[in-house]
Full PDB file with SEQRES, HELIX, SHEET, SSBOND, CRYST1, ORIGX, SCALE, CONECT and MASTER records, all heavy atoms in Angstrom:
SEQRES   1 A   38  ALA PHE GLU ILE VAL GLY ASN GLY HIS GLU LYS PRO SER          
SEQRES   2 A   38  VAL GLN LYS LEU ILE LEU ASP VAL LYS MET ASP ILE GLU          
SEQRES   3 A   38  GLY GLY THR SER LEU HIS GLU ALA LEU ALA LYS GLN              
HELIX    1 AA1 PHE A    2  GLY A    8  1                                   7    
HELIX    2 AA2 PRO A   12  GLU A   26  1                                  15    
HELIX    3 AA3 LEU A   31  ALA A   36  1                                   6    
CRYST1    1.000    1.000    1.000  90.00  90.00  90.00 P 1           1          
ORIGX1      1.000000  0.000000  0.000000        0.00000                         
ORIGX2      0.000000  1.000000  0.000000        0.00000                         
ORIGX3      0.000000  0.000000  1.000000        0.00000                         
SCALE1      1.000000  0.000000  0.000000        0.00000                         
SCALE2      0.000000  1.000000  0.000000        0.00000                         
SCALE3      0.000000  0.000000  1.000000        0.00000                         
ATOM      1  N   ALA A   1       7.217 -17.126 -16.527  1.00  0.00           N  
ATOM      2  CA  ALA A   1       8.570 -17.660 -16.706  1.00  0.00           C  
ATOM      3  C   ALA A   1       8.526 -18.996 -17.438  1.00  0.00           C  
ATOM      4  O   ALA A   1       9.320 -19.245 -18.358  1.00  0.00           O  
ATOM      5  CB  ALA A   1       9.250 -17.823 -15.347  1.00  0.00           C  
ATOM      6  N   PHE A   2       7.576 -19.860 -17.066  1.00  0.00           N  
ATOM      7  CA  PHE A   2       7.422 -21.148 -17.752  1.00  0.00           C  
ATOM      8  C   PHE A   2       7.063 -20.933 -19.216  1.00  0.00           C  
ATOM      9  O   PHE A   2       7.554 -21.639 -20.100  1.00  0.00           O  
ATOM     10  CB  PHE A   2       6.341 -21.982 -17.060  1.00  0.00           C  
ATOM     11  CG  PHE A   2       6.892 -22.918 -16.024  1.00  0.00           C  
ATOM     12  CD1 PHE A   2       7.020 -22.526 -14.703  1.00  0.00           C  
ATOM     13  CD2 PHE A   2       7.294 -24.194 -16.369  1.00  0.00           C  
ATOM     14  CE1 PHE A   2       7.526 -23.380 -13.751  1.00  0.00           C  
ATOM     15  CE2 PHE A   2       7.802 -25.068 -15.421  1.00  0.00           C  
ATOM     16  CZ  PHE A   2       7.931 -24.661 -14.105  1.00  0.00           C  
ATOM     17  N   GLU A   3       6.189 -19.955 -19.474  1.00  0.00           N  
ATOM     18  CA  GLU A   3       5.767 -19.692 -20.850  1.00  0.00           C  
ATOM     19  C   GLU A   3       6.936 -19.205 -21.700  1.00  0.00           C  
ATOM     20  O   GLU A   3       7.120 -19.653 -22.836  1.00  0.00           O  
ATOM     21  CB  GLU A   3       4.650 -18.647 -20.854  1.00  0.00           C  
ATOM     22  CG  GLU A   3       4.011 -18.469 -22.217  1.00  0.00           C  
ATOM     23  CD  GLU A   3       2.755 -17.606 -22.154  1.00  0.00           C  
ATOM     24  OE1 GLU A   3       2.278 -17.309 -21.041  1.00  0.00           O  
ATOM     25  OE2 GLU A   3       2.271 -17.238 -23.226  1.00  0.00           O  
ATOM     26  N   ILE A   4       7.744 -18.310 -21.151  1.00  0.00           N  
ATOM     27  CA  ILE A   4       8.892 -17.774 -21.898  1.00  0.00           C  
ATOM     28  C   ILE A   4       9.908 -18.874 -22.181  1.00  0.00           C  
ATOM     29  O   ILE A   4      10.389 -19.029 -23.306  1.00  0.00           O  
ATOM     30  CB  ILE A   4       9.550 -16.625 -21.109  1.00  0.00           C  
ATOM     31  CG1 ILE A   4       8.598 -15.432 -21.023  1.00  0.00           C  
ATOM     32  CG2 ILE A   4      10.860 -16.204 -21.773  1.00  0.00           C  
ATOM     33  CD1 ILE A   4       9.057 -14.344 -20.071  1.00  0.00           C  
ATOM     34  N   VAL A   5      10.239 -19.667 -21.152  1.00  0.00           N  
ATOM     35  CA  VAL A   5      11.220 -20.743 -21.313  1.00  0.00           C  
ATOM     36  C   VAL A   5      10.697 -21.806 -22.282  1.00  0.00           C  
ATOM     37  O   VAL A   5      11.420 -22.266 -23.171  1.00  0.00           O  
ATOM     38  CB  VAL A   5      11.569 -21.386 -19.957  1.00  0.00           C  
ATOM     39  CG1 VAL A   5      12.500 -22.580 -20.153  1.00  0.00           C  
ATOM     40  CG2 VAL A   5      12.229 -20.367 -19.039  1.00  0.00           C  
ATOM     41  N   GLY A   6       9.421 -22.181 -22.122  1.00  0.00           N  
ATOM     42  CA  GLY A   6       8.840 -23.216 -22.979  1.00  0.00           C  
ATOM     43  C   GLY A   6       8.760 -22.791 -24.431  1.00  0.00           C  
ATOM     44  O   GLY A   6       9.191 -23.514 -25.337  1.00  0.00           O  
ATOM     45  N   ASN A   7       8.239 -21.599 -24.685  1.00  0.00           N  
ATOM     46  CA  ASN A   7       8.093 -21.127 -26.061  1.00  0.00           C  
ATOM     47  C   ASN A   7       9.432 -20.858 -26.731  1.00  0.00           C  
ATOM     48  O   ASN A   7       9.551 -20.940 -27.955  1.00  0.00           O  
ATOM     49  CB  ASN A   7       7.248 -19.847 -26.099  1.00  0.00           C  
ATOM     50  CG  ASN A   7       5.794 -20.115 -25.758  1.00  0.00           C  
ATOM     51  OD1 ASN A   7       5.332 -21.258 -25.825  1.00  0.00           O  
ATOM     52  ND2 ASN A   7       5.062 -19.083 -25.371  1.00  0.00           N  
ATOM     53  N   GLY A   8      10.442 -20.541 -25.914  1.00  0.00           N  
ATOM     54  CA  GLY A   8      11.736 -20.208 -26.493  1.00  0.00           C  
ATOM     55  C   GLY A   8      12.660 -21.389 -26.695  1.00  0.00           C  
ATOM     56  O   GLY A   8      13.727 -21.245 -27.288  1.00  0.00           O  
ATOM     57  N   HIS A   9      12.275 -22.573 -26.210  1.00  0.00           N  
ATOM     58  CA  HIS A   9      13.158 -23.737 -26.324  1.00  0.00           C  
ATOM     59  C   HIS A   9      13.072 -24.335 -27.714  1.00  0.00           C  
ATOM     60  O   HIS A   9      11.998 -24.499 -28.278  1.00  0.00           O  
ATOM     61  CB  HIS A   9      12.807 -24.787 -25.276  1.00  0.00           C  
ATOM     62  CG  HIS A   9      13.983 -25.616 -24.863  1.00  0.00           C  
ATOM     63  ND1 HIS A   9      14.551 -26.556 -25.687  1.00  0.00           N  
ATOM     64  CD2 HIS A   9      14.717 -25.623 -23.721  1.00  0.00           C  
ATOM     65  CE1 HIS A   9      15.573 -27.124 -25.061  1.00  0.00           C  
ATOM     66  NE2 HIS A   9      15.692 -26.575 -23.864  1.00  0.00           N  
ATOM     67  N   GLU A  10      14.235 -24.681 -28.278  1.00  0.00           N  
ATOM     68  CA  GLU A  10      14.275 -25.195 -29.648  1.00  0.00           C  
ATOM     69  C   GLU A  10      13.975 -26.694 -29.731  1.00  0.00           C  
ATOM     70  O   GLU A  10      13.716 -27.216 -30.812  1.00  0.00           O  
ATOM     71  CB  GLU A  10      15.659 -24.932 -30.257  1.00  0.00           C  
ATOM     72  CG  GLU A  10      16.790 -25.611 -29.517  1.00  0.00           C  
ATOM     73  CD  GLU A  10      18.159 -25.313 -30.103  1.00  0.00           C  
ATOM     74  OE1 GLU A  10      18.264 -24.379 -30.910  1.00  0.00           O  
ATOM     75  OE2 GLU A  10      19.109 -26.020 -29.747  1.00  0.00           O  
ATOM     76  N   LYS A  11      13.974 -27.383 -28.603  1.00  0.00           N  
ATOM     77  CA  LYS A  11      13.753 -28.828 -28.599  1.00  0.00           C  
ATOM     78  C   LYS A  11      12.290 -29.120 -28.294  1.00  0.00           C  
ATOM     79  O   LYS A  11      11.815 -28.831 -27.197  1.00  0.00           O  
ATOM     80  CB  LYS A  11      14.656 -29.475 -27.547  1.00  0.00           C  
ATOM     81  CG  LYS A  11      14.891 -30.959 -27.755  1.00  0.00           C  
ATOM     82  CD  LYS A  11      15.972 -31.432 -26.802  1.00  0.00           C  
ATOM     83  CE  LYS A  11      16.306 -32.886 -27.029  1.00  0.00           C  
ATOM     84  NZ  LYS A  11      17.355 -33.357 -26.103  1.00  0.00           N  
ATOM     85  N   PRO A  12      11.535 -29.682 -29.251  1.00  0.00           N  
ATOM     86  CA  PRO A  12      10.100 -29.890 -29.052  1.00  0.00           C  
ATOM     87  C   PRO A  12       9.744 -30.710 -27.819  1.00  0.00           C  
ATOM     88  O   PRO A  12       8.765 -30.402 -27.138  1.00  0.00           O  
ATOM     89  CB  PRO A  12       9.669 -30.615 -30.334  1.00  0.00           C  
ATOM     90  CG  PRO A  12      10.667 -30.195 -31.348  1.00  0.00           C  
ATOM     91  CD  PRO A  12      11.961 -30.063 -30.606  1.00  0.00           C  
ATOM     92  N   SER A  13      10.514 -31.746 -27.520  1.00  0.00           N  
ATOM     93  CA  SER A  13      10.191 -32.594 -26.367  1.00  0.00           C  
ATOM     94  C   SER A  13      10.315 -31.818 -25.059  1.00  0.00           C  
ATOM     95  O   SER A  13       9.535 -32.014 -24.127  1.00  0.00           O  
ATOM     96  CB  SER A  13      11.107 -33.819 -26.341  1.00  0.00           C  
ATOM     97  OG  SER A  13      12.467 -33.434 -26.391  1.00  0.00           O  
ATOM     98  N   VAL A  14      11.296 -30.911 -24.985  1.00  0.00           N  
ATOM     99  CA  VAL A  14      11.460 -30.084 -23.787  1.00  0.00           C  
ATOM    100  C   VAL A  14      10.344 -29.047 -23.715  1.00  0.00           C  
ATOM    101  O   VAL A  14       9.816 -28.763 -22.629  1.00  0.00           O  
ATOM    102  CB  VAL A  14      12.847 -29.398 -23.781  1.00  0.00           C  
ATOM    103  CG1 VAL A  14      13.018 -28.545 -22.528  1.00  0.00           C  
ATOM    104  CG2 VAL A  14      13.953 -30.436 -23.855  1.00  0.00           C  
ATOM    105  N   GLN A  15       9.970 -28.494 -24.857  1.00  0.00           N  
ATOM    106  CA  GLN A  15       8.834 -27.569 -24.905  1.00  0.00           C  
ATOM    107  C   GLN A  15       7.588 -28.220 -24.326  1.00  0.00           C  
ATOM    108  O   GLN A  15       6.881 -27.634 -23.501  1.00  0.00           O  
ATOM    109  CB  GLN A  15       8.558 -27.140 -26.351  1.00  0.00           C  
ATOM    110  CG  GLN A  15       9.475 -26.076 -26.891  1.00  0.00           C  
ATOM    111  CD  GLN A  15       9.014 -25.595 -28.258  1.00  0.00           C  
ATOM    112  OE1 GLN A  15       8.123 -26.179 -28.881  1.00  0.00           O  
ATOM    113  NE2 GLN A  15       9.622 -24.532 -28.738  1.00  0.00           N  
ATOM    114  N   LYS A  16       7.331 -29.433 -24.770  1.00  0.00           N  
ATOM    115  CA  LYS A  16       6.134 -30.145 -24.316  1.00  0.00           C  
ATOM    116  C   LYS A  16       6.171 -30.358 -22.804  1.00  0.00           C  
ATOM    117  O   LYS A  16       5.169 -30.143 -22.108  1.00  0.00           O  
ATOM    118  CB  LYS A  16       6.013 -31.485 -25.032  1.00  0.00           C  
ATOM    119  CG  LYS A  16       4.775 -32.280 -24.648  1.00  0.00           C  
ATOM    120  CD  LYS A  16       4.717 -33.580 -25.427  1.00  0.00           C  
ATOM    121  CE  LYS A  16       3.429 -34.345 -25.108  1.00  0.00           C  
ATOM    122  NZ  LYS A  16       3.238 -34.632 -23.691  1.00  0.00           N  
ATOM    123  N   LEU A  17       7.326 -30.776 -22.289  1.00  0.00           N  
ATOM    124  CA  LEU A  17       7.467 -31.016 -20.849  1.00  0.00           C  
ATOM    125  C   LEU A  17       7.201 -29.740 -20.054  1.00  0.00           C  
ATOM    126  O   LEU A  17       6.416 -29.739 -19.098  1.00  0.00           O  
ATOM    127  CB  LEU A  17       8.875 -31.541 -20.558  1.00  0.00           C  
ATOM    128  CG  LEU A  17       9.263 -31.664 -19.083  1.00  0.00           C  
ATOM    129  CD1 LEU A  17       8.380 -32.676 -18.368  1.00  0.00           C  
ATOM    130  CD2 LEU A  17      10.733 -32.034 -18.950  1.00  0.00           C  
ATOM    131  N   ILE A  18       7.844 -28.642 -20.454  1.00  0.00           N  
ATOM    132  CA  ILE A  18       7.717 -27.377 -19.718  1.00  0.00           C  
ATOM    133  C   ILE A  18       6.288 -26.853 -19.771  1.00  0.00           C  
ATOM    134  O   ILE A  18       5.734 -26.400 -18.756  1.00  0.00           O  
ATOM    135  CB  ILE A  18       8.706 -26.333 -20.278  1.00  0.00           C  
ATOM    136  CG1 ILE A  18      10.147 -26.785 -20.026  1.00  0.00           C  
ATOM    137  CG2 ILE A  18       8.470 -24.957 -19.652  1.00  0.00           C  
ATOM    138  CD1 ILE A  18      11.193 -25.939 -20.716  1.00  0.00           C  
ATOM    139  N   LEU A  19       5.659 -26.940 -20.948  1.00  0.00           N  
ATOM    140  CA  LEU A  19       4.299 -26.426 -21.084  1.00  0.00           C  
ATOM    141  C   LEU A  19       3.276 -27.319 -20.386  1.00  0.00           C  
ATOM    142  O   LEU A  19       2.243 -26.833 -19.919  1.00  0.00           O  
ATOM    143  CB  LEU A  19       3.950 -26.262 -22.566  1.00  0.00           C  
ATOM    144  CG  LEU A  19       4.796 -25.191 -23.283  1.00  0.00           C  
ATOM    145  CD1 LEU A  19       4.476 -25.157 -24.761  1.00  0.00           C  
ATOM    146  CD2 LEU A  19       4.581 -23.817 -22.668  1.00  0.00           C  
ATOM    147  N   ASP A  20       3.566 -28.615 -20.267  1.00  0.00           N  
ATOM    148  CA  ASP A  20       2.692 -29.500 -19.487  1.00  0.00           C  
ATOM    149  C   ASP A  20       2.724 -29.111 -18.004  1.00  0.00           C  
ATOM    150  O   ASP A  20       1.687 -29.074 -17.332  1.00  0.00           O  
ATOM    151  CB  ASP A  20       3.139 -30.960 -19.643  1.00  0.00           C  
ATOM    152  CG  ASP A  20       2.690 -31.568 -20.967  1.00  0.00           C  
ATOM    153  OD1 ASP A  20       1.872 -30.925 -21.665  1.00  0.00           O  
ATOM    154  OD2 ASP A  20       3.170 -32.661 -21.314  1.00  0.00           O  
ATOM    155  N   VAL A  21       3.928 -28.816 -17.500  1.00  0.00           N  
ATOM    156  CA  VAL A  21       4.057 -28.373 -16.102  1.00  0.00           C  
ATOM    157  C   VAL A  21       3.343 -27.037 -15.916  1.00  0.00           C  
ATOM    158  O   VAL A  21       2.644 -26.817 -14.917  1.00  0.00           O  
ATOM    159  CB  VAL A  21       5.549 -28.253 -15.709  1.00  0.00           C  
ATOM    160  CG1 VAL A  21       5.688 -27.662 -14.300  1.00  0.00           C  
ATOM    161  CG2 VAL A  21       6.226 -29.615 -15.766  1.00  0.00           C  
ATOM    162  N   LYS A  22       3.496 -26.143 -16.903  1.00  0.00           N  
ATOM    163  CA  LYS A  22       2.839 -24.831 -16.835  1.00  0.00           C  
ATOM    164  C   LYS A  22       1.321 -24.976 -16.762  1.00  0.00           C  
ATOM    165  O   LYS A  22       0.635 -24.292 -15.999  1.00  0.00           O  
ATOM    166  CB  LYS A  22       3.222 -24.008 -18.066  1.00  0.00           C  
ATOM    167  CG  LYS A  22       2.564 -22.626 -18.125  1.00  0.00           C  
ATOM    168  CD  LYS A  22       2.662 -22.055 -19.535  1.00  0.00           C  
ATOM    169  CE  LYS A  22       1.317 -21.511 -19.919  1.00  0.00           C  
ATOM    170  NZ  LYS A  22       1.163 -21.105 -21.279  1.00  0.00           N  
ATOM    171  N   MET A  23       0.770 -25.901 -17.553  1.00  0.00           N  
ATOM    172  CA  MET A  23      -0.678 -26.139 -17.539  1.00  0.00           C  
ATOM    173  C   MET A  23      -1.145 -26.595 -16.163  1.00  0.00           C  
ATOM    174  O   MET A  23      -2.190 -26.150 -15.666  1.00  0.00           O  
ATOM    175  CB  MET A  23      -1.048 -27.195 -18.581  1.00  0.00           C  
ATOM    176  CG  MET A  23      -1.088 -26.681 -20.016  1.00  0.00           C  
ATOM    177  SD  MET A  23      -1.454 -28.019 -21.165  1.00  0.00           S  
ATOM    178  CE  MET A  23      -3.013 -28.579 -20.546  1.00  0.00           C  
ATOM    179  N   ASP A  24      -0.370 -27.474 -15.525  1.00  0.00           N  
ATOM    180  CA  ASP A  24      -0.741 -27.944 -14.178  1.00  0.00           C  
ATOM    181  C   ASP A  24      -0.729 -26.794 -13.178  1.00  0.00           C  
ATOM    182  O   ASP A  24      -1.603 -26.705 -12.305  1.00  0.00           O  
ATOM    183  CB  ASP A  24       0.230 -29.044 -13.732  1.00  0.00           C  
ATOM    184  CG  ASP A  24       0.002 -30.360 -14.469  1.00  0.00           C  
ATOM    185  OD1 ASP A  24      -1.146 -30.596 -14.883  1.00  0.00           O  
ATOM    186  OD2 ASP A  24       0.969 -31.123 -14.640  1.00  0.00           O  
ATOM    187  N   ILE A  25       0.271 -25.913 -13.298  1.00  0.00           N  
ATOM    188  CA  ILE A  25       0.357 -24.763 -12.389  1.00  0.00           C  
ATOM    189  C   ILE A  25      -0.825 -23.826 -12.609  1.00  0.00           C  
ATOM    190  O   ILE A  25      -1.422 -23.315 -11.649  1.00  0.00           O  
ATOM    191  CB  ILE A  25       1.696 -24.022 -12.591  1.00  0.00           C  
ATOM    192  CG1 ILE A  25       2.858 -24.928 -12.192  1.00  0.00           C  
ATOM    193  CG2 ILE A  25       1.736 -22.732 -11.766  1.00  0.00           C  
ATOM    194  CD1 ILE A  25       4.220 -24.386 -12.553  1.00  0.00           C  
ATOM    195  N   GLU A  26      -1.177 -23.598 -13.864  1.00  0.00           N  
ATOM    196  CA  GLU A  26      -2.334 -22.751 -14.174  1.00  0.00           C  
ATOM    197  C   GLU A  26      -3.622 -23.351 -13.625  1.00  0.00           C  
ATOM    198  O   GLU A  26      -4.570 -22.628 -13.297  1.00  0.00           O  
ATOM    199  CB  GLU A  26      -2.454 -22.552 -15.688  1.00  0.00           C  
ATOM    200  CG  GLU A  26      -1.401 -21.617 -16.265  1.00  0.00           C  
ATOM    201  CD  GLU A  26      -1.519 -21.490 -17.775  1.00  0.00           C  
ATOM    202  OE1 GLU A  26      -1.877 -22.485 -18.437  1.00  0.00           O  
ATOM    203  OE2 GLU A  26      -1.251 -20.403 -18.301  1.00  0.00           O  
ATOM    204  N   GLY A  27      -3.659 -24.662 -13.523  1.00  0.00           N  
ATOM    205  CA  GLY A  27      -4.837 -25.341 -12.981  1.00  0.00           C  
ATOM    206  C   GLY A  27      -4.907 -25.320 -11.467  1.00  0.00           C  
ATOM    207  O   GLY A  27      -5.814 -25.916 -10.887  1.00  0.00           O  
ATOM    208  N   GLY A  28      -3.930 -24.675 -10.810  1.00  0.00           N  
ATOM    209  CA  GLY A  28      -3.965 -24.542  -9.356  1.00  0.00           C  
ATOM    210  C   GLY A  28      -3.024 -25.463  -8.612  1.00  0.00           C  
ATOM    211  O   GLY A  28      -2.997 -25.460  -7.376  1.00  0.00           O  
ATOM    212  N   THR A  29      -2.231 -26.254  -9.328  1.00  0.00           N  
ATOM    213  CA  THR A  29      -1.279 -27.167  -8.685  1.00  0.00           C  
ATOM    214  C   THR A  29      -0.015 -26.407  -8.288  1.00  0.00           C  
ATOM    215  O   THR A  29       0.426 -25.520  -9.016  1.00  0.00           O  
ATOM    216  CB  THR A  29      -0.905 -28.316  -9.654  1.00  0.00           C  
ATOM    217  OG1 THR A  29      -2.093 -28.944 -10.109  1.00  0.00           O  
ATOM    218  CG2 THR A  29      -0.019 -29.341  -8.974  1.00  0.00           C  
ATOM    219  N   SER A  30       0.560 -26.749  -7.146  1.00  0.00           N  
ATOM    220  CA  SER A  30       1.824 -26.117  -6.737  1.00  0.00           C  
ATOM    221  C   SER A  30       2.952 -26.619  -7.642  1.00  0.00           C  
ATOM    222  O   SER A  30       2.830 -27.656  -8.293  1.00  0.00           O  
ATOM    223  CB  SER A  30       2.140 -26.450  -5.281  1.00  0.00           C  
ATOM    224  OG  SER A  30       2.345 -27.845  -5.129  1.00  0.00           O  
ATOM    225  N   LEU A  31       4.060 -25.885  -7.638  1.00  0.00           N  
ATOM    226  CA  LEU A  31       5.168 -26.225  -8.533  1.00  0.00           C  
ATOM    227  C   LEU A  31       5.724 -27.611  -8.234  1.00  0.00           C  
ATOM    228  O   LEU A  31       5.942 -28.408  -9.159  1.00  0.00           O  
ATOM    229  CB  LEU A  31       6.275 -25.170  -8.422  1.00  0.00           C  
ATOM    230  CG  LEU A  31       7.536 -25.427  -9.262  1.00  0.00           C  
ATOM    231  CD1 LEU A  31       7.194 -25.580 -10.734  1.00  0.00           C  
ATOM    232  CD2 LEU A  31       8.554 -24.319  -9.058  1.00  0.00           C  
ATOM    233  N   HIS A  32       5.957 -27.926  -6.963  1.00  0.00           N  
ATOM    234  CA  HIS A  32       6.557 -29.229  -6.651  1.00  0.00           C  
ATOM    235  C   HIS A  32       5.608 -30.377  -7.003  1.00  0.00           C  
ATOM    236  O   HIS A  32       6.050 -31.449  -7.426  1.00  0.00           O  
ATOM    237  CB  HIS A  32       7.008 -29.294  -5.183  1.00  0.00           C  
ATOM    238  CG  HIS A  32       5.914 -29.568  -4.206  1.00  0.00           C  
ATOM    239  ND1 HIS A  32       5.150 -28.567  -3.638  1.00  0.00           N  
ATOM    240  CD2 HIS A  32       5.438 -30.736  -3.681  1.00  0.00           C  
ATOM    241  CE1 HIS A  32       4.273 -29.100  -2.801  1.00  0.00           C  
ATOM    242  NE2 HIS A  32       4.420 -30.406  -2.802  1.00  0.00           N  
ATOM    243  N   GLU A  33       4.297 -30.164  -6.874  1.00  0.00           N  
ATOM    244  CA  GLU A  33       3.331 -31.197  -7.259  1.00  0.00           C  
ATOM    245  C   GLU A  33       3.297 -31.376  -8.769  1.00  0.00           C  
ATOM    246  O   GLU A  33       3.184 -32.505  -9.274  1.00  0.00           O  
ATOM    247  CB  GLU A  33       1.938 -30.827  -6.739  1.00  0.00           C  
ATOM    248  CG  GLU A  33       1.797 -30.935  -5.225  1.00  0.00           C  
ATOM    249  CD  GLU A  33       0.461 -30.401  -4.723  1.00  0.00           C  
ATOM    250  OE1 GLU A  33      -0.154 -29.565  -5.410  1.00  0.00           O  
ATOM    251  OE2 GLU A  33       0.041 -30.828  -3.637  1.00  0.00           O  
ATOM    252  N   ALA A  34       3.402 -30.263  -9.501  1.00  0.00           N  
ATOM    253  CA  ALA A  34       3.424 -30.341 -10.964  1.00  0.00           C  
ATOM    254  C   ALA A  34       4.672 -31.063 -11.454  1.00  0.00           C  
ATOM    255  O   ALA A  34       4.615 -31.875 -12.393  1.00  0.00           O  
ATOM    256  CB  ALA A  34       3.356 -28.937 -11.564  1.00  0.00           C  
ATOM    257  N   LEU A  35       5.810 -30.803 -10.814  1.00  0.00           N  
ATOM    258  CA  LEU A  35       7.050 -31.477 -11.193  1.00  0.00           C  
ATOM    259  C   LEU A  35       7.012 -32.959 -10.828  1.00  0.00           C  
ATOM    260  O   LEU A  35       7.560 -33.801 -11.553  1.00  0.00           O  
ATOM    261  CB  LEU A  35       8.238 -30.809 -10.499  1.00  0.00           C  
ATOM    262  CG  LEU A  35       8.529 -29.349 -10.882  1.00  0.00           C  
ATOM    263  CD1 LEU A  35       9.671 -28.798 -10.047  1.00  0.00           C  
ATOM    264  CD2 LEU A  35       8.852 -29.222 -12.359  1.00  0.00           C  
ATOM    265  N   ALA A  36       6.347 -33.277  -9.712  1.00  0.00           N  
ATOM    266  CA  ALA A  36       6.256 -34.679  -9.269  1.00  0.00           C  
ATOM    267  C   ALA A  36       5.472 -35.538 -10.257  1.00  0.00           C  
ATOM    268  O   ALA A  36       5.626 -36.764 -10.272  1.00  0.00           O  
ATOM    269  CB  ALA A  36       5.617 -34.744  -7.888  1.00  0.00           C  
ATOM    270  N   LYS A  37       4.650 -34.903 -11.107  1.00  0.00           N  
ATOM    271  CA  LYS A  37       3.895 -35.645 -12.124  1.00  0.00           C  
ATOM    272  C   LYS A  37       4.780 -36.057 -13.296  1.00  0.00           C  
ATOM    273  O   LYS A  37       4.321 -36.766 -14.194  1.00  0.00           O  
ATOM    274  CB  LYS A  37       2.726 -34.794 -12.638  1.00  0.00           C  
ATOM    275  CG  LYS A  37       1.635 -34.553 -11.600  1.00  0.00           C  
ATOM    276  CD  LYS A  37       0.507 -33.709 -12.187  1.00  0.00           C  
ATOM    277  CE  LYS A  37      -0.588 -33.457 -11.159  1.00  0.00           C  
ATOM    278  NZ  LYS A  37      -1.681 -32.627 -11.714  1.00  0.00           N  
ATOM    279  N   GLN A  38       6.035 -35.590 -13.303  1.00  0.00           N  
ATOM    280  CA  GLN A  38       6.983 -35.927 -14.371  1.00  0.00           C  
ATOM    281  C   GLN A  38       8.205 -36.627 -13.763  1.00  0.00           C  
ATOM    282  O   GLN A  38       9.324 -36.123 -13.820  1.00  0.00           O  
ATOM    283  CB  GLN A  38       7.422 -34.644 -15.102  1.00  0.00           C  
ATOM    284  CG  GLN A  38       6.309 -33.755 -15.597  1.00  0.00           C  
ATOM    285  CD  GLN A  38       5.577 -34.341 -16.785  1.00  0.00           C  
ATOM    286  OE1 GLN A  38       6.068 -35.266 -17.445  1.00  0.00           O  
ATOM    287  NE2 GLN A  38       4.396 -33.823 -17.098  1.00  0.00           N  
TER     288      GLN A  38                                                      
MASTER        0    0    0    3    0    0    0    6  287    1    0    3          
END                                                                             
C-alpha cells in the first residue's frame, strides 16, 4: 500500500516521505514507530 501510494503521488516531497516510511517498515519497524521518525 505504501509503495502504490508513494509511486503514484505527483508531489516529489510527499513521495520521498512515504517511501522513507516504507523503507523503515521493510526494515522491521512498526508503522507507528516509522511515523514517529517524521
